[in-house]
Amino acid sequence: MFELVGRRVKIVKGKYKGETGTIVEETGYTEGYGVVCKIRLDNGHTGEWSADFFEVL
């Protein structure tokens, strides 16, 4: 399985579009939207996004 924890990502839609951060935990999976990850953004905000909201850099 592809390990995402520690990977750099960019948010591609929503309120934080354009922000970059680091995946700190894989928290689940949603049917049709893929893996859900807890991401710590470079601006200090931490949240959970499904794979359709971010791209791995």
PDB file of N, CA and C in Angstrom:
ATOM      1  N   MET A   1       0.853  -1.200   0.000  1.00  0.00           N
ATOM      2  CA  MET A   1       0.000   0.000   0.000  1.00  0.00           C
ATOM      3  C   MET A   1       0.883   1.243   0.000  1.00  0.00           C
ATOM      4  N   PHE A   2       0.429   2.276  -0.655  1.00  0.00           N
ATOM      5  CA  PHE A   2       1.149   3.539  -0.762  1.00  0.00           C
ATOM      6  C   PHE A   2       1.034   4.307   0.543  1.00  0.00           C
ATOM      7  N   GLU A   3       2.148   4.572   1.206  1.00  0.00           N
ATOM      8  CA  GLU A   3       2.156   5.277   2.488  1.00  0.00           C
ATOM      9  C   GLU A   3       2.098   6.791   2.259  1.00  0.00           C
ATOM     10  N   LEU A   4       1.103   7.449   2.837  1.00  0.00           N
ATOM     11  CA  LEU A   4       0.924   8.880   2.649  1.00  0.00           C
ATOM     12  C   LEU A   4       1.469   9.728   3.800  1.00  0.00           C
ATOM     13  N   VAL A   5       1.567   9.150   4.980  1.00  0.00           N
ATOM     14  CA  VAL A   5       2.024   9.914   6.146  1.00  0.00           C
ATOM     15  C   VAL A   5       3.411  10.493   5.881  1.00  0.00           C
ATOM     16  N   GLY A   6       3.551  11.783   6.130  1.00  0.00           N
ATOM     17  CA  GLY A   6       4.811  12.477   5.900  1.00  0.00           C
ATOM     18  C   GLY A   6       4.940  13.111   4.531  1.00  0.00           C
ATOM     19  N   ARG A   7       4.016  12.807   3.633  1.00  0.00           N
ATOM     20  CA  ARG A   7       4.075  13.361   2.265  1.00  0.00           C
ATOM     21  C   ARG A   7       3.569  14.802   2.259  1.00  0.00           C
ATOM     22  N   ARG A   8       4.156  15.606   1.394  1.00  0.00           N
ATOM     23  CA  ARG A   8       3.737  16.997   1.198  1.00  0.00           C
ATOM     24  C   ARG A   8       2.558  17.015   0.236  1.00  0.00           C
ATOM     25  N   VAL A   9       1.571  17.853   0.530  1.00  0.00           N
ATOM     26  CA  VAL A   9       0.376  17.951  -0.303  1.00  0.00           C
ATOM     27  C   VAL A   9      -0.011  19.410  -0.519  1.00  0.00           C
ATOM     28  N   LYS A  10      -0.858  19.605  -1.524  1.00  0.00           N
ATOM     29  CA  LYS A  10      -1.439  20.920  -1.808  1.00  0.00           C
ATOM     30  C   LYS A  10      -2.944  20.747  -1.850  1.00  0.00           C
ATOM     31  N   ILE A  11      -3.673  21.613  -1.153  1.00  0.00           N
ATOM     32  CA  ILE A  11      -5.134  21.590  -1.171  1.00  0.00           C
ATOM     33  C   ILE A  11      -5.592  22.185  -2.504  1.00  0.00           C
ATOM     34  N   VAL A  12      -6.492  21.480  -3.215  1.00  0.00           N
ATOM     35  CA  VAL A  12      -6.884  21.898  -4.564  1.00  0.00           C
ATOM     36  C   VAL A  12      -8.300  22.465  -4.665  1.00  0.00           C
ATOM     37  N   LYS A  13      -9.070  22.405  -3.579  1.00  0.00           N
ATOM     38  CA  LYS A  13     -10.394  23.031  -3.599  1.00  0.00           C
ATOM     39  C   LYS A  13     -10.862  23.295  -2.177  1.00  0.00           C
ATOM     40  N   GLY A  14     -11.849  24.163  -2.076  1.00  0.00           N
ATOM     41  CA  GLY A  14     -12.395  24.514  -0.776  1.00  0.00           C
ATOM     42  C   GLY A  14     -11.749  25.761  -0.187  1.00  0.00           C
ATOM     43  N   LYS A  15     -12.044  26.016   1.072  1.00  0.00           N
ATOM     44  CA  LYS A  15     -11.595  27.218   1.779  1.00  0.00           C
ATOM     45  C   LYS A  15     -10.076  27.388   1.770  1.00  0.00           C
ATOM     46  N   TYR A  16      -9.339  26.281   1.845  1.00  0.00           N
ATOM     47  CA  TYR A  16      -7.880  26.341   1.941  1.00  0.00           C
ATOM     48  C   TYR A  16      -7.174  26.061   0.610  1.00  0.00           C
ATOM     49  N   LYS A  17      -7.885  26.226  -0.491  1.00  0.00           N
ATOM     50  CA  LYS A  17      -7.314  25.980  -1.817  1.00  0.00           C
ATOM     51  C   LYS A  17      -6.005  26.752  -1.994  1.00  0.00           C
ATOM     52  N   GLY A  18      -4.981  26.043  -2.479  1.00  0.00           N
ATOM     53  CA  GLY A  18      -3.674  26.656  -2.712  1.00  0.00           C
ATOM     54  C   GLY A  18      -2.707  26.499  -1.559  1.00  0.00           C
ATOM     55  N   GLU A  19      -3.213  26.157  -0.369  1.00  0.00           N
ATOM     56  CA  GLU A  19      -2.347  25.962   0.796  1.00  0.00           C
ATOM     57  C   GLU A  19      -1.600  24.633   0.673  1.00  0.00           C
ATOM     58  N   THR A  20      -0.400  24.582   1.236  1.00  0.00           N
ATOM     59  CA  THR A  20       0.374  23.343   1.264  1.00  0.00           C
ATOM     60  C   THR A  20       0.535  22.890   2.702  1.00  0.00           C
ATOM     61  N   GLY A  21       0.828  21.597   2.853  1.00  0.00           N
ATOM     62  CA  GLY A  21       1.005  21.041   4.188  1.00  0.00           C
ATOM     63  C   GLY A  21       1.555  19.638   4.127  1.00  0.00           C
ATOM     64  N   THR A  22       1.499  18.963   5.275  1.00  0.00           N
ATOM     65  CA  THR A  22       2.049  17.622   5.425  1.00  0.00           C
ATOM     66  C   THR A  22       0.989  16.696   6.013  1.00  0.00           C
ATOM     67  N   ILE A  23       0.866  15.502   5.454  1.00  0.00           N
ATOM     68  CA  ILE A  23      -0.071  14.510   5.984  1.00  0.00           C
ATOM     69  C   ILE A  23       0.502  13.942   7.277  1.00  0.00           C
ATOM     70  N   VAL A  24      -0.302  13.995   8.350  1.00  0.00           N
ATOM     71  CA  VAL A  24       0.153  13.480   9.638  1.00  0.00           C
ATOM     72  C   VAL A  24      -0.491  12.149  10.010  1.00  0.00           C
ATOM     73  N   GLU A  25      -1.625  11.819   9.357  1.00  0.00           N
ATOM     74  CA  GLU A  25      -2.308  10.569   9.687  1.00  0.00           C
ATOM     75  C   GLU A  25      -3.342  10.239   8.615  1.00  0.00           C
ATOM     76  N   GLU A  26      -3.468   8.945   8.290  1.00  0.00           N
ATOM     77  CA  GLU A  26      -4.576   8.478   7.446  1.00  0.00           C
ATOM     78  C   GLU A  26      -5.692   8.092   8.405  1.00  0.00           C
ATOM     79  N   THR A  27      -6.836   8.765   8.308  1.00  0.00           N
ATOM     80  CA  THR A  27      -7.885   8.560   9.306  1.00  0.00           C
ATOM     81  C   THR A  27      -9.043   7.696   8.830  1.00  0.00           C
ATOM     82  N   GLY A  28      -9.127   7.406   7.548  1.00  0.00           N
ATOM     83  CA  GLY A  28     -10.231   6.586   7.074  1.00  0.00           C
ATOM     84  C   GLY A  28     -10.300   6.528   5.568  1.00  0.00           C
ATOM     85  N   TYR A  29     -11.459   6.085   5.090  1.00  0.00           N
ATOM     86  CA  TYR A  29     -11.687   5.940   3.654  1.00  0.00           C
ATOM     87  C   TYR A  29     -13.150   6.237   3.378  1.00  0.00           C
ATOM     88  N   THR A  30     -13.439   6.997   2.332  1.00  0.00           N
ATOM     89  CA  THR A  30     -14.817   7.265   1.937  1.00  0.00           C
ATOM     90  C   THR A  30     -15.060   6.678   0.559  1.00  0.00           C
ATOM     91  N   GLU A  31     -16.168   6.003   0.392  1.00  0.00           N
ATOM     92  CA  GLU A  31     -16.526   5.396  -0.884  1.00  0.00           C
ATOM     93  C   GLU A  31     -16.688   6.479  -1.936  1.00  0.00           C
ATOM     94  N   GLY A  32     -15.929   6.367  -3.003  1.00  0.00           N
ATOM     95  CA  GLY A  32     -16.022   7.328  -4.089  1.00  0.00           C
ATOM     96  C   GLY A  32     -15.091   8.526  -3.964  1.00  0.00           C
ATOM     97  N   TYR A  33     -14.583   8.787  -2.767  1.00  0.00           N
ATOM     98  CA  TYR A  33     -13.703   9.946  -2.568  1.00  0.00           C
ATOM     99  C   TYR A  33     -12.307   9.541  -2.107  1.00  0.00           C
ATOM    100  N   GLY A  34     -12.097   8.282  -1.809  1.00  0.00           N
ATOM    101  CA  GLY A  34     -10.776   7.793  -1.444  1.00  0.00           C
ATOM    102  C   GLY A  34     -10.419   8.000   0.012  1.00  0.00           C
ATOM    103  N   VAL A  35      -9.126   7.961   0.260  1.00  0.00           N
ATOM    104  CA  VAL A  35      -8.598   8.054   1.614  1.00  0.00           C
ATOM    105  C   VAL A  35      -8.877   9.427   2.225  1.00  0.00           C
ATOM    106  N   VAL A  36      -9.073   9.427   3.541  1.00  0.00           N
ATOM    107  CA  VAL A  36      -9.232  10.674   4.298  1.00  0.00           C
ATOM    108  C   VAL A  36      -7.988  10.833   5.163  1.00  0.00           C
ATOM    109  N   CYS A  37      -7.389  12.023   5.121  1.00  0.00           N
ATOM    110  CA  CYS A  37      -6.140  12.254   5.847  1.00  0.00           C
ATOM    111  C   CYS A  37      -6.238  13.485   6.735  1.00  0.00           C
ATOM    112  N   LYS A  38      -5.561  13.404   7.874  1.00  0.00           N
ATOM    113  CA  LYS A  38      -5.365  14.576   8.707  1.00  0.00           C
ATOM    114  C   LYS A  38      -4.128  15.269   8.174  1.00  0.00           C
ATOM    115  N   ILE A  39      -4.262  16.548   7.852  1.00  0.00           N
ATOM    116  CA  ILE A  39      -3.185  17.320   7.232  1.00  0.00           C
ATOM    117  C   ILE A  39      -2.899  18.559   8.076  1.00  0.00           C
ATOM    118  N   ARG A  40      -1.620  18.767   8.363  1.00  0.00           N
ATOM    119  CA  ARG A  40      -1.197  19.988   9.048  1.00  0.00           C
ATOM    120  C   ARG A  40      -0.686  20.953   7.990  1.00  0.00           C
ATOM    121  N   LEU A  41      -1.429  22.044   7.803  1.00  0.00           N
ATOM    122  CA  LEU A  41      -1.049  23.027   6.794  1.00  0.00           C
ATOM    123  C   LEU A  41       0.109  23.887   7.297  1.00  0.00           C
ATOM    124  N   ASP A  42       0.846  24.450   6.365  1.00  0.00           N
ATOM    125  CA  ASP A  42       1.978  25.310   6.703  1.00  0.00           C
ATOM    126  C   ASP A  42       1.536  26.558   7.469  1.00  0.00           C
ATOM    127  N   ASN A  43       0.261  26.946   7.344  1.00  0.00           N
ATOM    128  CA  ASN A  43      -0.245  28.131   8.054  1.00  0.00           C
ATOM    129  C   ASN A  43      -0.639  27.814   9.501  1.00  0.00           C
ATOM    130  N   GLY A  44      -0.431  26.552   9.932  1.00  0.00           N
ATOM    131  CA  GLY A  44      -0.725  26.170  11.307  1.00  0.00           C
ATOM    132  C   GLY A  44      -2.050  25.468  11.502  1.00  0.00           C
ATOM    133  N   HIS A  45      -2.959  25.541  10.533  1.00  0.00           N
ATOM    134  CA  HIS A  45      -4.265  24.883  10.639  1.00  0.00           C
ATOM    135  C   HIS A  45      -4.114  23.381  10.410  1.00  0.00           C
ATOM    136  N   THR A  46      -4.825  22.580  11.200  1.00  0.00           N
ATOM    137  CA  THR A  46      -4.873  21.133  10.991  1.00  0.00           C
ATOM    138  C   THR A  46      -6.319  20.739  10.749  1.00  0.00           C
ATOM    139  N   GLY A  47      -6.537  19.907   9.730  1.00  0.00           N
ATOM    140  CA  GLY A  47      -7.883  19.456   9.409  1.00  0.00           C
ATOM    141  C   GLY A  47      -7.847  18.119   8.700  1.00  0.00           C
ATOM    142  N   GLU A  48      -9.036  17.607   8.375  1.00  0.00           N
ATOM    143  CA  GLU A  48      -9.148  16.342   7.647  1.00  0.00           C
ATOM    144  C   GLU A  48      -9.759  16.604   6.282  1.00  0.00           C
ATOM    145  N   TRP A  49      -9.134  16.047   5.257  1.00  0.00           N
ATOM    146  CA  TRP A  49      -9.601  16.188   3.892  1.00  0.00           C
ATOM    147  C   TRP A  49      -9.600  14.828   3.209  1.00  0.00           C
ATOM    148  N   SER A  50     -10.588  14.596   2.332  1.00  0.00           N
ATOM    149  CA  SER A  50     -10.589  13.389   1.507  1.00  0.00           C
ATOM    150  C   SER A  50      -9.680  13.643   0.302  1.00  0.00           C
ATOM    151  N   ALA A  51      -9.285  12.560  -0.352  1.00  0.00           N
ATOM    152  CA  ALA A  51      -8.286  12.620  -1.413  1.00  0.00           C
ATOM    153  C   ALA A  51      -8.681  13.536  -2.574  1.00  0.00           C
ATOM    154  N   ASP A  52      -9.971  13.786  -2.774  1.00  0.00           N
ATOM    155  CA  ASP A  52     -10.355  14.670  -3.871  1.00  0.00           C
ATOM    156  C   ASP A  52     -10.083  16.142  -3.546  1.00  0.00           C
ATOM    157  N   PHE A  53      -9.706  16.457  -2.324  1.00  0.00           N
ATOM    158  CA  PHE A  53      -9.405  17.829  -1.924  1.00  0.00           C
ATOM    159  C   PHE A  53      -7.914  18.146  -1.949  1.00  0.00           C
ATOM    160  N   PHE A  54      -7.050  17.137  -2.105  1.00  0.00           N
ATOM    161  CA  PHE A  54      -5.615  17.422  -2.111  1.00  0.00           C
ATOM    162  C   PHE A  54      -4.891  16.614  -3.174  1.00  0.00           C
ATOM    163  N   GLU A  55      -3.693  17.108  -3.543  1.00  0.00           N
ATOM    164  CA  GLU A  55      -2.823  16.363  -4.448  1.00  0.00           C
ATOM    165  C   GLU A  55      -1.454  16.238  -3.777  1.00  0.00           C
ATOM    166  N   VAL A  56      -0.857  15.071  -3.946  1.00  0.00           N
ATOM    167  CA  VAL A  56       0.475  14.821  -3.391  1.00  0.00           C
ATOM    168  C   VAL A  56       1.496  15.517  -4.277  1.00  0.00           C
ATOM    169  N   LEU A  57       2.399  16.256  -3.661  1.00  0.00           N
ATOM    170  CA  LEU A  57       3.430  16.981  -4.388  1.00  0.00           C
ATOM    171  C   LEU A  57       4.642  16.105  -4.662  1.00  0.00           C
TER     172      LEU A  57
END
